[in-house]
N, C-alpha and C. Protein backbone atom coordinates (compact mmCIF):
# COMPACT_ATOMS: atom_id res chain seq x y z
N MET A 1 -3.09 13.55 1.75
CA MET A 1 -3.92 13.15 0.67
C MET A 1 -4.67 14.29 0.21
N SER A 2 -4.81 14.29 -1.16
CA SER A 2 -5.21 15.32 -1.97
C SER A 2 -6.85 15.73 -1.65
N ASP A 3 -7.49 14.69 -1.39
CA ASP A 3 -9.04 14.41 -1.20
C ASP A 3 -9.37 14.32 0.38
N PRO A 4 -9.67 15.04 1.01
CA PRO A 4 -9.79 14.83 2.57
C PRO A 4 -10.71 13.87 3.09
N SER A 5 -11.73 13.66 2.20
CA SER A 5 -12.49 12.73 2.21
C SER A 5 -12.18 11.20 2.30
N VAL A 6 -11.06 10.93 1.60
CA VAL A 6 -10.37 9.51 1.17
C VAL A 6 -9.22 9.26 2.48
N VAL A 7 -9.40 8.32 3.13
CA VAL A 7 -8.53 7.69 3.92
C VAL A 7 -7.90 6.46 3.77
N ALA A 8 -6.72 6.24 4.18
CA ALA A 8 -6.10 4.89 3.94
C ALA A 8 -6.16 4.07 5.21
N VAL A 9 -6.79 2.75 5.14
CA VAL A 9 -6.77 2.01 6.33
C VAL A 9 -6.18 0.58 5.87
N HIS A 10 -6.02 -0.18 6.99
CA HIS A 10 -5.54 -1.70 6.84
C HIS A 10 -6.74 -2.59 6.93
N ASN A 11 -7.00 -3.58 6.04
CA ASN A 11 -8.11 -4.47 6.17
C ASN A 11 -7.27 -5.84 5.80
N PRO A 12 -6.84 -6.31 7.38
CA PRO A 12 -6.08 -7.54 7.50
C PRO A 12 -7.22 -8.93 6.81
N GLN A 13 -8.54 -8.87 7.09
CA GLN A 13 -9.16 -9.72 6.82
C GLN A 13 -8.93 -9.95 5.35
N GLN A 14 -8.87 -9.08 4.68
CA GLN A 14 -8.75 -8.92 3.03
C GLN A 14 -7.35 -9.03 2.43
N GLN A 15 -6.45 -9.03 3.14
CA GLN A 15 -5.02 -8.92 3.00
C GLN A 15 -4.61 -7.68 2.34
N ARG A 16 -5.15 -6.53 2.70
CA ARG A 16 -4.75 -5.48 1.69
C ARG A 16 -5.15 -4.44 2.44
N TYR A 17 -4.12 -3.10 2.03
CA TYR A 17 -4.53 -1.85 2.69
C TYR A 17 -5.44 -0.90 1.54
N GLU A 18 -6.30 -0.27 1.95
CA GLU A 18 -7.40 0.34 1.15
C GLU A 18 -7.51 1.76 1.29
N LEU A 19 -8.10 2.41 0.21
CA LEU A 19 -8.55 3.82 0.27
C LEU A 19 -9.91 3.92 0.34
N ARG A 20 -10.61 4.37 1.19
CA ARG A 20 -11.73 4.75 1.32
C ARG A 20 -12.47 6.24 1.21
N ASP A 21 -13.27 6.00 0.55
CA ASP A 21 -14.27 7.53 0.52
C ASP A 21 -15.53 6.95 0.97
N GLY A 22 -15.70 7.27 2.48
CA GLY A 22 -16.86 6.94 3.15
C GLY A 22 -16.67 5.24 3.28
N ASP A 23 -17.87 4.85 3.19
CA ASP A 23 -18.08 3.22 2.85
C ASP A 23 -17.57 2.72 1.59
N THR A 24 -17.04 3.55 0.68
CA THR A 24 -16.79 2.98 -0.71
C THR A 24 -15.27 2.71 -0.71
N VAL A 25 -14.69 1.62 -1.12
CA VAL A 25 -13.47 1.49 -1.46
C VAL A 25 -13.11 2.08 -2.72
N VAL A 26 -12.06 2.92 -2.74
CA VAL A 26 -11.58 3.08 -4.25
C VAL A 26 -10.29 3.06 -4.61
N GLY A 27 -9.58 2.25 -3.67
CA GLY A 27 -8.33 1.87 -4.31
C GLY A 27 -7.96 0.90 -3.09
N TYR A 28 -6.87 -0.17 -3.54
CA TYR A 28 -6.16 -0.85 -2.46
C TYR A 28 -4.93 -0.99 -3.13
N THR A 29 -4.00 -1.62 -2.02
CA THR A 29 -2.79 -2.61 -2.63
C THR A 29 -2.85 -3.72 -1.55
N GLN A 30 -3.01 -5.07 -2.46
CA GLN A 30 -3.11 -6.20 -1.84
C GLN A 30 -1.62 -7.01 -1.75
N TYR A 31 -1.63 -7.95 -0.57
CA TYR A 31 -0.58 -8.67 -0.23
C TYR A 31 -1.00 -10.02 0.25
N HIS A 32 0.05 -10.77 0.23
CA HIS A 32 -0.20 -12.22 0.89
C HIS A 32 1.01 -12.53 1.90
N PRO A 33 0.81 -12.96 2.94
CA PRO A 33 1.76 -13.33 3.83
C PRO A 33 3.05 -14.55 3.01
N ASP A 34 4.06 -14.45 3.33
CA ASP A 34 5.29 -15.56 2.87
C ASP A 34 5.93 -16.00 4.16
N GLY A 35 5.58 -16.69 4.93
CA GLY A 35 6.27 -17.01 6.18
C GLY A 35 5.73 -16.06 7.14
N ASP A 36 6.48 -15.84 8.12
CA ASP A 36 5.97 -15.23 9.35
C ASP A 36 6.54 -13.61 9.25
N VAL A 37 7.38 -13.29 8.49
CA VAL A 37 8.04 -12.15 8.49
C VAL A 37 7.72 -11.30 7.11
N GLN A 38 7.66 -11.70 5.98
CA GLN A 38 7.56 -11.41 4.78
C GLN A 38 5.87 -11.10 4.12
N LEU A 39 5.70 -10.02 3.80
CA LEU A 39 4.44 -9.64 3.05
C LEU A 39 4.78 -9.46 1.45
N VAL A 40 4.06 -10.07 0.58
CA VAL A 40 4.17 -10.27 -0.84
C VAL A 40 3.36 -9.07 -1.40
N PHE A 41 3.80 -7.86 -1.80
CA PHE A 41 2.65 -7.07 -2.44
C PHE A 41 2.63 -7.53 -3.82
N ASP A 42 1.40 -7.62 -4.41
CA ASP A 42 1.46 -7.93 -5.68
C ASP A 42 0.55 -7.43 -6.48
N HIS A 43 -0.32 -6.26 -6.08
CA HIS A 43 -1.19 -5.51 -6.77
C HIS A 43 -1.66 -4.24 -6.33
N THR A 44 -1.64 -3.35 -6.96
CA THR A 44 -1.97 -2.03 -6.36
C THR A 44 -3.10 -1.38 -7.69
N GLU A 45 -4.27 -0.81 -7.18
CA GLU A 45 -5.08 -0.27 -7.74
C GLU A 45 -5.94 0.81 -7.36
N VAL A 46 -6.13 1.84 -8.20
CA VAL A 46 -7.04 3.09 -7.48
C VAL A 46 -8.35 3.35 -8.75
N ASP A 47 -9.17 3.43 -8.45
CA ASP A 47 -10.36 3.90 -9.13
C ASP A 47 -10.31 5.20 -10.32
N ARG A 48 -10.36 4.91 -11.45
CA ARG A 48 -9.99 6.18 -12.46
C ARG A 48 -10.55 7.53 -11.83
N ALA A 49 -11.74 7.51 -11.03
CA ALA A 49 -12.28 8.46 -10.95
C ALA A 49 -11.35 9.19 -9.89
N TYR A 50 -10.57 8.46 -9.02
CA TYR A 50 -9.63 9.24 -8.17
C TYR A 50 -8.10 9.14 -8.58
N SER A 51 -7.89 9.00 -10.03
CA SER A 51 -6.66 8.90 -10.56
C SER A 51 -6.22 10.55 -10.46
N GLY A 52 -4.57 10.63 -10.56
CA GLY A 52 -4.13 12.00 -10.75
C GLY A 52 -4.12 12.79 -9.22
N GLN A 53 -4.36 12.03 -7.96
CA GLN A 53 -4.52 12.80 -7.06
C GLN A 53 -3.11 12.47 -6.06
N GLY A 54 -2.48 11.59 -6.38
CA GLY A 54 -1.36 11.02 -5.68
C GLY A 54 -1.93 9.86 -4.68
N LEU A 55 -3.00 9.42 -4.76
CA LEU A 55 -3.59 8.57 -3.88
C LEU A 55 -2.74 6.98 -3.73
N SER A 56 -2.45 6.91 -5.19
CA SER A 56 -1.71 5.58 -4.94
C SER A 56 -0.18 5.53 -4.16
N SER A 57 0.43 6.57 -4.42
CA SER A 57 1.51 6.75 -3.46
C SER A 57 1.18 6.75 -1.84
N THR A 58 0.17 7.99 -1.44
CA THR A 58 -0.23 7.79 -0.21
C THR A 58 -0.61 6.57 0.27
N LEU A 59 -1.29 5.77 -0.56
CA LEU A 59 -1.71 4.46 -0.17
C LEU A 59 -0.27 3.47 0.34
N VAL A 60 0.59 3.58 -0.71
CA VAL A 60 1.72 2.49 -0.48
C VAL A 60 2.58 3.34 0.44
N ARG A 61 2.59 4.33 0.77
CA ARG A 61 3.37 5.10 1.97
C ARG A 61 2.83 4.62 3.36
N PHE A 62 1.29 4.66 3.21
CA PHE A 62 0.43 4.33 4.81
C PHE A 62 0.85 2.76 4.82
N ALA A 63 0.67 1.94 3.84
CA ALA A 63 1.00 0.37 4.00
C ALA A 63 2.42 0.03 4.27
N LEU A 64 3.76 0.90 3.73
CA LEU A 64 4.80 0.39 4.10
C LEU A 64 5.28 1.03 5.64
N ASP A 65 4.65 2.04 6.00
CA ASP A 65 4.75 2.55 7.40
C ASP A 65 4.21 1.49 8.28
N ASP A 66 3.04 1.12 7.78
CA ASP A 66 2.33 -0.07 8.97
C ASP A 66 3.47 -1.41 8.75
N VAL A 67 3.91 -1.69 7.63
CA VAL A 67 4.52 -2.79 7.62
C VAL A 67 5.87 -2.65 8.65
N ARG A 68 6.31 -1.46 8.45
CA ARG A 68 7.47 -1.13 9.28
C ARG A 68 7.17 -1.19 10.82
N ALA A 69 5.85 -0.55 10.87
CA ALA A 69 5.64 -0.60 12.71
C ALA A 69 5.20 -1.96 13.15
N ARG A 70 5.11 -2.88 12.19
CA ARG A 70 4.55 -4.24 12.76
C ARG A 70 5.66 -5.22 12.39
N GLY A 71 6.91 -4.58 12.21
CA GLY A 71 8.22 -5.39 12.19
C GLY A 71 8.37 -6.51 11.09
N LYS A 72 7.65 -6.15 9.99
CA LYS A 72 7.65 -7.14 8.77
C LYS A 72 8.31 -6.54 7.68
N ARG A 73 8.52 -7.47 6.39
CA ARG A 73 9.59 -7.15 5.68
C ARG A 73 8.63 -7.15 4.48
N VAL A 74 8.84 -6.61 3.25
CA VAL A 74 8.19 -6.48 1.97
C VAL A 74 8.95 -7.11 0.74
N VAL A 75 8.19 -8.08 0.19
CA VAL A 75 8.53 -8.34 -1.16
C VAL A 75 7.61 -7.80 -2.29
N ALA A 76 8.07 -6.81 -3.12
CA ALA A 76 7.20 -5.84 -3.83
C ALA A 76 7.23 -6.78 -5.37
N ILE A 77 6.42 -7.37 -5.68
CA ILE A 77 6.22 -7.85 -6.77
C ILE A 77 5.37 -6.91 -7.87
N CYS A 78 4.34 -6.16 -7.15
CA CYS A 78 3.82 -5.24 -7.83
C CYS A 78 4.53 -3.87 -8.31
N PRO A 79 4.57 -3.78 -9.64
CA PRO A 79 5.33 -2.85 -10.19
C PRO A 79 5.04 -1.54 -9.49
N PHE A 80 4.15 -1.00 -9.05
CA PHE A 80 3.93 0.07 -8.45
C PHE A 80 4.86 0.39 -7.05
N VAL A 81 4.59 -0.59 -6.03
CA VAL A 81 5.24 -0.64 -4.93
C VAL A 81 6.53 -0.81 -5.13
N ASP A 82 7.00 -1.63 -6.19
CA ASP A 82 8.39 -1.58 -6.43
C ASP A 82 9.06 -0.38 -6.79
N GLY A 83 8.46 0.37 -7.66
CA GLY A 83 9.01 1.65 -8.42
C GLY A 83 9.13 2.66 -7.05
N PHE A 84 7.89 2.61 -6.21
CA PHE A 84 7.63 3.48 -5.26
C PHE A 84 8.92 3.35 -4.31
N ILE A 85 9.15 2.20 -3.78
CA ILE A 85 10.71 1.81 -3.06
C ILE A 85 11.62 2.37 -3.71
N ASP A 86 11.83 2.04 -5.10
CA ASP A 86 13.01 2.55 -5.68
C ASP A 86 13.02 4.14 -5.41
N LYS A 87 12.19 5.04 -5.53
CA LYS A 87 11.97 6.43 -5.51
C LYS A 87 12.20 6.77 -4.13
N HIS A 88 12.14 5.98 -3.35
CA HIS A 88 12.02 6.62 -1.80
C HIS A 88 12.82 5.60 -0.92
N PRO A 89 14.26 5.97 -0.89
CA PRO A 89 15.23 5.42 -0.16
C PRO A 89 14.90 4.85 1.17
N GLU A 90 14.03 5.77 1.71
CA GLU A 90 13.88 5.74 3.28
C GLU A 90 13.13 4.18 3.50
N TYR A 91 12.71 3.53 2.48
CA TYR A 91 11.93 2.30 2.54
C TYR A 91 12.63 1.07 2.09
N LYS A 92 13.83 1.36 1.54
CA LYS A 92 14.55 0.33 0.82
C LYS A 92 14.95 -0.90 2.12
N ASP A 93 15.11 -0.37 3.14
CA ASP A 93 15.53 -1.26 4.19
C ASP A 93 14.37 -2.25 4.39
N LEU A 94 13.30 -2.03 4.04
CA LEU A 94 11.90 -2.98 4.28
C LEU A 94 12.11 -4.14 3.12
N ALA A 95 12.53 -3.58 2.08
CA ALA A 95 12.42 -4.75 0.78
C ALA A 95 13.48 -5.78 0.60
N ASP A 96 12.90 -6.97 0.39
CA ASP A 96 13.68 -8.09 0.42
C ASP A 96 13.50 -8.53 -1.18
C-alpha cells in the first residue's frame, strides 16, 4: 500500500473487507454468502481523500487472497472486483 498507516482487514461481522487508517474505515468491499462456498462481492468503495493510491486494488487483492485461503469462491457483481479479476489472471480460478 502507498500509505503505510492504512491496513486491510477482514470484518466478517459486517461481511466486508475493510481499509482502516487507525480506527477509521476509509474503504471496503462488501460481500454476502451464497451457499456454503460462494461469496458474492457487490460493492467496493474508498474514501475520496484516499483515492489515487492504488488502495482499491490492494483491498481487493487482500480479499481475494483471503477467499482463496478459506477455500471459498467469488461471484463478482461489483464492477471493480470483476475488472480486477479480468486484469489479474491469477485470480480467475476463484471466479464463478
